[in-house]
C-alpha atoms as a PDB file:
ATOM      1  CA  UNK A   1     -31.990  18.295   8.710  1.00  0.00           C
ATOM      2  CA  UNK A   2     -30.150  15.195   7.325  1.00  0.00           C
ATOM      3  CA  UNK A   3     -26.845  15.672   5.362  1.00  0.00           C
ATOM      4  CA  UNK A   4     -25.849  14.065   2.304  1.00  0.00           C
ATOM      5  CA  UNK A   5     -23.547  11.393   2.972  1.00  0.00           C
ATOM      6  CA  UNK A   6     -19.819  12.090   2.055  1.00  0.00           C
ATOM      7  CA  UNK A   7     -19.597  10.128  -1.589  1.00  0.00           C
ATOM      8  CA  UNK A   8     -16.277   8.969  -1.212  1.00  0.00           C
ATOM      9  CA  UNK A   9     -17.801   6.457   1.697  1.00  0.00           C
ATOM     10  CA  UNK A  10     -20.105   5.054  -0.612  1.00  0.00           C
ATOM     11  CA  UNK A  11     -18.011   5.202  -3.865  1.00  0.00           C
ATOM     12  CA  UNK A  12     -15.854   1.904  -4.421  1.00  0.00           C
ATOM     13  CA  UNK A  13     -12.586   2.190  -2.047  1.00  0.00           C
ATOM     14  CA  UNK A  14      -9.818   3.318  -3.656  1.00  0.00           C
ATOM     15  CA  UNK A  15      -6.136   4.022  -2.066  1.00  0.00           C
ATOM     16  CA  UNK A  16      -5.799   6.629  -0.303  1.00  0.00           C
ATOM     17  CA  UNK A  17      -2.924   9.520  -0.687  1.00  0.00           C
ATOM     18  CA  UNK A  18      -1.882  12.812   0.557  1.00  0.00           C
ATOM     19  CA  UNK A  19      -3.519  16.040  -0.103  1.00  0.00           C
ATOM     20  CA  UNK A  20      -2.455  19.658   1.968  1.00  0.00           C
ATOM     21  CA  UNK A  21      -3.324  23.051   1.608  1.00  0.00           C
ATOM     22  CA  UNK A  22      -1.251  26.361   2.325  1.00  0.00           C
ATOM     23  CA  UNK A  23      -5.214  27.801   2.716  1.00  0.00           C
ATOM     24  CA  UNK A  24      -7.373  25.091   3.691  1.00  0.00           C
ATOM     25  CA  UNK A  25      -6.940  22.768   6.974  1.00  0.00           C
ATOM     26  CA  UNK A  26      -8.984  19.423   7.867  1.00  0.00           C
ATOM     27  CA  UNK A  27     -12.048  20.167  10.064  1.00  0.00           C
ATOM     28  CA  UNK A  28     -11.505  24.174  10.448  1.00  0.00           C
ATOM     29  CA  UNK A  29     -13.131  26.975   9.577  1.00  0.00           C
ATOM     30  CA  UNK A  30     -12.580  28.364   5.946  1.00  0.00           C
ATOM     31  CA  UNK A  31     -11.147  31.386   5.791  1.00  0.00           C
ATOM     32  CA  UNK A  32     -12.994  34.129   4.053  1.00  0.00           C
ATOM     33  CA  UNK A  33     -10.747  34.321   0.365  1.00  0.00           C
ATOM     34  CA  UNK A  34     -12.075  30.910   0.235  1.00  0.00           C
ATOM     35  CA  UNK A  35     -15.828  31.400   0.092  1.00  0.00           C
ATOM     36  CA  UNK A  36     -18.537  33.113  -1.660  1.00  0.00           C
ATOM     37  CA  UNK A  37     -20.302  35.919  -1.391  1.00  0.00           C
ATOM     38  CA  UNK A  38     -23.391  34.861  -3.192  1.00  0.00           C
ATOM     39  CA  UNK A  39     -25.624  34.337  -0.009  1.00  0.00           C
ATOM     40  CA  UNK A  40     -24.736  37.731   0.965  1.00  0.00           C
ATOM     41  CA  UNK A  41     -21.215  37.347   3.561  1.00  0.00           C
ATOM     42  CA  UNK A  42     -17.825  37.590   2.667  1.00  0.00           C
ATOM     43  CA  UNK A  43     -15.894  36.070   0.422  1.00  0.00           C
ATOM     44  CA  UNK A  44     -13.820  36.201  -2.595  1.00  0.00           C
ATOM     45  CA  UNK A  45     -14.618  32.857  -4.307  1.00  0.00           C
ATOM     46  CA  UNK A  46     -10.757  31.857  -4.595  1.00  0.00           C
ATOM     47  CA  UNK A  47      -9.726  28.943  -4.990  1.00  0.00           C
ATOM     48  CA  UNK A  48      -7.331  27.353  -2.324  1.00  0.00           C
ATOM     49  CA  UNK A  49      -3.867  26.364  -2.447  1.00  0.00           C
ATOM     50  CA  UNK A  50      -3.812  22.292  -3.100  1.00  0.00           C
ATOM     51  CA  UNK A  51      -0.814  19.874  -2.931  1.00  0.00           C
ATOM     52  CA  UNK A  52      -0.597  15.962  -3.312  1.00  0.00           C
ATOM     53  CA  UNK A  53       1.629  13.051  -3.014  1.00  0.00           C
ATOM     54  CA  UNK A  54       2.264   9.720  -2.314  1.00  0.00           C
ATOM     55  CA  UNK A  55      -0.440   8.865  -5.363  1.00  0.00           C
ATOM     56  CA  UNK A  56       0.071   5.549  -7.412  1.00  0.00           C
ATOM     57  CA  UNK A  57       2.424   4.983  -9.888  1.00  0.00           C
ATOM     58  CA  UNK A  58       0.823   4.863 -13.396  1.00  0.00           C
ATOM     59  CA  UNK A  59      -1.207   7.920 -12.704  1.00  0.00           C
ATOM     60  CA  UNK A  60      -1.582   9.615 -15.275  1.00  0.00           C
ATOM     61  CA  UNK A  61      -4.191  12.407 -14.838  1.00  0.00           C
ATOM     62  CA  UNK A  62      -5.779  14.355 -12.193  1.00  0.00           C
ATOM     63  CA  UNK A  63      -9.191  15.950 -11.442  1.00  0.00           C
ATOM     64  CA  UNK A  64      -9.764  17.974  -8.598  1.00  0.00           C
ATOM     65  CA  UNK A  65     -13.089  18.488  -6.982  1.00  0.00           C
ATOM     66  CA  UNK A  66     -14.942  20.453  -4.108  1.00  0.00           C
ATOM     67  CA  UNK A  67     -18.520  19.194  -2.934  1.00  0.00           C
ATOM     68  CA  UNK A  68     -20.853  20.342  -0.080  1.00  0.00           C
ATOM     69  CA  UNK A  69     -22.301  17.388   1.002  1.00  0.00           C
ATOM     70  CA  UNK A  70     -24.546  19.692   3.378  1.00  0.00           C
ATOM     71  CA  UNK A  71     -26.097  21.704   0.615  1.00  0.00           C
ATOM     72  CA  UNK A  72     -29.638  21.530   1.532  1.00  0.00           C
ATOM     73  CA  UNK A  73     -30.628  19.767  -1.651  1.00  0.00           C
ATOM     74  CA  UNK A  74     -30.757  16.626  -1.241  1.00  0.00           C
ATOM     75  CA  UNK A  75     -28.173  16.020  -3.147  1.00  0.00           C
ATOM     76  CA  UNK A  76     -24.876  18.664  -2.161  1.00  0.00           C
ATOM     77  CA  UNK A  77     -23.914  21.161  -4.015  1.00  0.00           C
ATOM     78  CA  UNK A  78     -20.710  20.890  -6.300  1.00  0.00           C
ATOM     79  CA  UNK A  79     -18.506  24.300  -5.790  1.00  0.00           C
ATOM     80  CA  UNK A  80     -15.743  22.884  -8.496  1.00  0.00           C
ATOM     81  CA  UNK A  81     -14.700  19.858 -10.736  1.00  0.00           C
ATOM     82  CA  UNK A  82     -11.519  20.448 -12.811  1.00  0.00           C
ATOM     83  CA  UNK A  83     -10.087  17.153 -14.914  1.00  0.00           C
ATOM     84  CA  UNK A  84      -7.469  16.577 -17.515  1.00  0.00           C
ATOM     85  CA  UNK A  85      -4.629  17.754 -14.884  1.00  0.00           C
ATOM     86  CA  UNK A  86      -1.123  16.332 -16.527  1.00  0.00           C
ATOM     87  CA  UNK A  87       0.019  13.072 -14.398  1.00  0.00           C
ATOM     88  CA  UNK A  88       3.309  15.532 -13.794  1.00  0.00           C
ATOM     89  CA  UNK A  89       1.312  18.477 -11.807  1.00  0.00           C
ATOM     90  CA  UNK A  90       0.778  17.480  -8.061  1.00  0.00           C
ATOM     91  CA  UNK A  91       0.262  21.537  -7.117  1.00  0.00           C
ATOM     92  CA  UNK A  92      -2.424  23.724  -8.230  1.00  0.00           C
ATOM     93  CA  UNK A  93      -1.785  27.591  -6.468  1.00  0.00           C
ATOM     94  CA  UNK A  94      -4.213  29.651  -5.277  1.00  0.00           C
ATOM     95  CA  UNK A  95      -6.869  30.937  -7.049  1.00  0.00           C
ATOM     96  CA  UNK A  96      -6.415  28.713 -10.192  1.00  0.00           C
ATOM     97  CA  UNK A  97      -9.730  27.530 -10.066  1.00  0.00           C
ATOM     98  CA  UNK A  98     -10.573  31.640 -11.290  1.00  0.00           C
ATOM     99  CA  UNK A  99     -12.915  32.192 -14.349  1.00  0.00           C
ATOM    100  CA  UNK A 100     -11.269  30.919 -17.508  1.00  0.00           C
ATOM    101  CA  UNK A 101      -8.825  28.796 -16.121  1.00  0.00           C
ATOM    102  CA  UNK A 102      -5.625  31.003 -16.016  1.00  0.00           C
ATOM    103  CA  UNK A 103      -3.570  29.981 -13.274  1.00  0.00           C
ATOM    104  CA  UNK A 104      -4.518  25.803 -14.521  1.00  0.00           C
ATOM    105  CA  UNK A 105      -2.020  23.745 -16.360  1.00  0.00           C
ATOM    106  CA  UNK A 106      -2.380  23.565 -20.391  1.00  0.00           C
ATOM    107  CA  UNK A 107      -4.851  20.850 -21.275  1.00  0.00           C
ATOM    108  CA  UNK A 108      -6.913  20.890 -17.832  1.00  0.00           C
ATOM    109  CA  UNK A 109     -10.728  21.791 -18.003  1.00  0.00           C
ATOM    110  CA  UNK A 110     -13.076  23.153 -15.518  1.00  0.00           C
ATOM    111  CA  UNK A 111     -17.379  21.529 -16.208  1.00  0.00           C
ATOM    112  CA  UNK A 112     -19.552  24.185 -14.638  1.00  0.00           C
ATOM    113  CA  UNK A 113     -20.228  23.931 -10.994  1.00  0.00           C
ATOM    114  CA  UNK A 114     -23.882  23.292  -9.684  1.00  0.00           C
ATOM    115  CA  UNK A 115     -24.002  27.546  -9.706  1.00  0.00           C
ATOM    116  CA  UNK A 116     -24.127  26.550 -13.513  1.00  0.00           C
ATOM    117  CA  UNK A 117     -20.265  28.708 -13.216  1.00  0.00           C
ATOM    118  CA  UNK A 118     -17.357  27.073 -14.806  1.00  0.00           C
ATOM    119  CA  UNK A 119     -14.678  28.516 -12.048  1.00  0.00           C
ATOM    120  CA  UNK A 120     -14.536  27.704  -8.131  1.00  0.00           C
ATOM    121  CA  UNK A 121     -17.467  29.232  -6.092  1.00  0.00           C
ATOM    122  CA  UNK A 122     -16.637  29.841  -2.581  1.00  0.00           C
ATOM    123  CA  UNK A 123     -18.417  28.023   0.702  1.00  0.00           C
ATOM    124  CA  UNK A 124     -22.022  30.232   1.272  1.00  0.00           C
ATOM    125  CA  UNK A 125     -23.646  28.188   3.568  1.00  0.00           C
ATOM    126  CA  UNK A 126     -27.301  29.396   3.078  1.00  0.00           C
ATOM    127  CA  UNK A 127     -28.433  31.025   6.666  1.00  0.00           C
ATOM    128  CA  UNK A 128     -30.001  28.672   8.934  1.00  0.00           C
ATOM    129  CA  UNK A 129     -28.287  25.377   7.510  1.00  0.00           C
ATOM    130  CA  UNK A 130     -25.934  25.395  10.096  1.00  0.00           C
ATOM    131  CA  UNK A 131     -21.905  23.947   9.455  1.00  0.00           C
ATOM    132  CA  UNK A 132     -21.545  22.706   5.915  1.00  0.00           C
ATOM    133  CA  UNK A 133     -18.879  20.196   5.247  1.00  0.00           C
ATOM    134  CA  UNK A 134     -16.901  21.049   2.192  1.00  0.00           C
ATOM    135  CA  UNK A 135     -14.936  18.400   0.482  1.00  0.00           C
ATOM    136  CA  UNK A 136     -11.660  18.612  -1.684  1.00  0.00           C
ATOM    137  CA  UNK A 137     -10.773  15.633  -3.653  1.00  0.00           C
ATOM    138  CA  UNK A 138      -7.693  15.216  -5.819  1.00  0.00           C
ATOM    139  CA  UNK A 139      -8.584  11.613  -8.193  1.00  0.00           C
ATOM    140  CA  UNK A 140      -6.049   9.784  -9.542  1.00  0.00           C
ATOM    141  CA  UNK A 141      -6.474   8.247 -12.654  1.00  0.00           C
ATOM    142  CA  UNK A 142      -5.067   5.896 -15.005  1.00  0.00           C
ATOM    143  CA  UNK A 143      -6.063   8.066 -18.245  1.00  0.00           C
ATOM    144  CA  UNK A 144      -3.885  10.858 -20.397  1.00  0.00           C
ATOM    145  CA  UNK A 145      -7.590  12.287 -20.383  1.00  0.00           C
ATOM    146  CA  UNK A 146     -11.284  12.342 -20.134  1.00  0.00           C
ATOM    147  CA  UNK A 147     -13.163  12.981 -23.176  1.00  0.00           C
ATOM    148  CA  UNK A 148     -16.311  14.775 -21.214  1.00  0.00           C
ATOM    149  CA  UNK A 149     -19.208  17.059 -23.791  1.00  0.00           C
ATOM    150  CA  UNK A 150     -19.420  20.875 -22.791  1.00  0.00           C
ATOM    151  CA  UNK A 151     -22.252  21.317 -20.776  1.00  0.00           C
ATOM    152  CA  UNK A 152     -21.263  18.366 -18.202  1.00  0.00           C
ATOM    153  CA  UNK A 153     -22.004  18.260 -15.185  1.00  0.00           C
ATOM    154  CA  UNK A 154     -19.286  17.462 -11.893  1.00  0.00           C
ATOM    155  CA  UNK A 155     -21.847  14.286 -11.247  1.00  0.00           C
ATOM    156  CA  UNK A 156     -21.251  13.630 -14.951  1.00  0.00           C
ATOM    157  CA  UNK A 157     -17.304  14.025 -14.531  1.00  0.00           C
ATOM    158  CA  UNK A 158     -17.272  11.884 -11.606  1.00  0.00           C
ATOM    159  CA  UNK A 159     -19.329   9.291 -13.090  1.00  0.00           C
ATOM    160  CA  UNK A 160     -16.507   9.134 -15.999  1.00  0.00           C
ATOM    161  CA  UNK A 161     -13.943   9.048 -13.630  1.00  0.00           C
ATOM    162  CA  UNK A 162     -14.941   6.070 -11.712  1.00  0.00           C
ATOM    163  CA  UNK A 163     -13.374   3.313 -13.473  1.00  0.00           C
ATOM    164  CA  UNK A 164     -10.632   5.085 -14.290  1.00  0.00           C
ATOM    165  CA  UNK A 165      -9.626   6.310 -10.163  1.00  0.00           C
ATOM    166  CA  UNK A 166      -6.113   5.108  -9.255  1.00  0.00           C
ATOM    167  CA  UNK A 167      -6.532   6.499  -5.830  1.00  0.00           C
ATOM    168  CA  UNK A 168      -8.041   9.151  -3.945  1.00  0.00           C
ATOM    169  CA  UNK A 169      -7.303  12.197  -1.300  1.00  0.00           C
ATOM    170  CA  UNK A 170      -9.125  14.060   0.394  1.00  0.00           C
ATOM    171  CA  UNK A 171      -9.099  17.100   2.437  1.00  0.00           C
ATOM    172  CA  UNK A 172     -12.029  18.444   4.437  1.00  0.00           C
ATOM    173  CA  UNK A 173     -13.064  22.199   5.226  1.00  0.00           C
ATOM    174  CA  UNK A 174     -16.215  23.892   7.221  1.00  0.00           C
ATOM    175  CA  UNK A 175     -17.895  26.506   7.269  1.00  0.00           C
ATOM    176  CA  UNK A 176     -21.507  27.568   9.331  1.00  0.00           C
ATOM    177  CA  UNK A 177     -24.139  29.703   7.926  1.00  0.00           C
ATOM    178  CA  UNK A 178     -25.306  32.953   9.572  1.00  0.00           C
ATOM    179  CA  UNK A 179     -28.284  32.617  11.792  1.00  0.00           C
END
């Protein structure tokens, strides 16, 4: 199976800053809490703790996304997309991606993921599809907010902040499908 390219290698380059988590780690297996029971496996659909630093001066807001580049769709699978996080926010607690956005700061908005849910959807690689990479990205933006229409997709959101990106931080966790 051919993997979808990492989207951040084909987009215009942006300065890099640091992204860390108490829940997930670069190249490591996704914990059960950050997985989804959508494909019959264990999981809690709990978004991971994320904290970032070293972003560009002039950052006015952030967007956070999670993308499975290895989903067997030909276009990957967006698990989470949040935008209009105030520039003063540099951390999200575990579970911030719950339905309704109760763990998000005031003003932050979530678009539907590819499962058509306005929340974080955990890792759930379909059986027999091997190891999937889940790229969590924080995008530093030069605007206070983006005006995105209700019902927009994560891809549409990404298109809108592309010209406003001052920097980007990524952290990639993995999850292997059952055979």
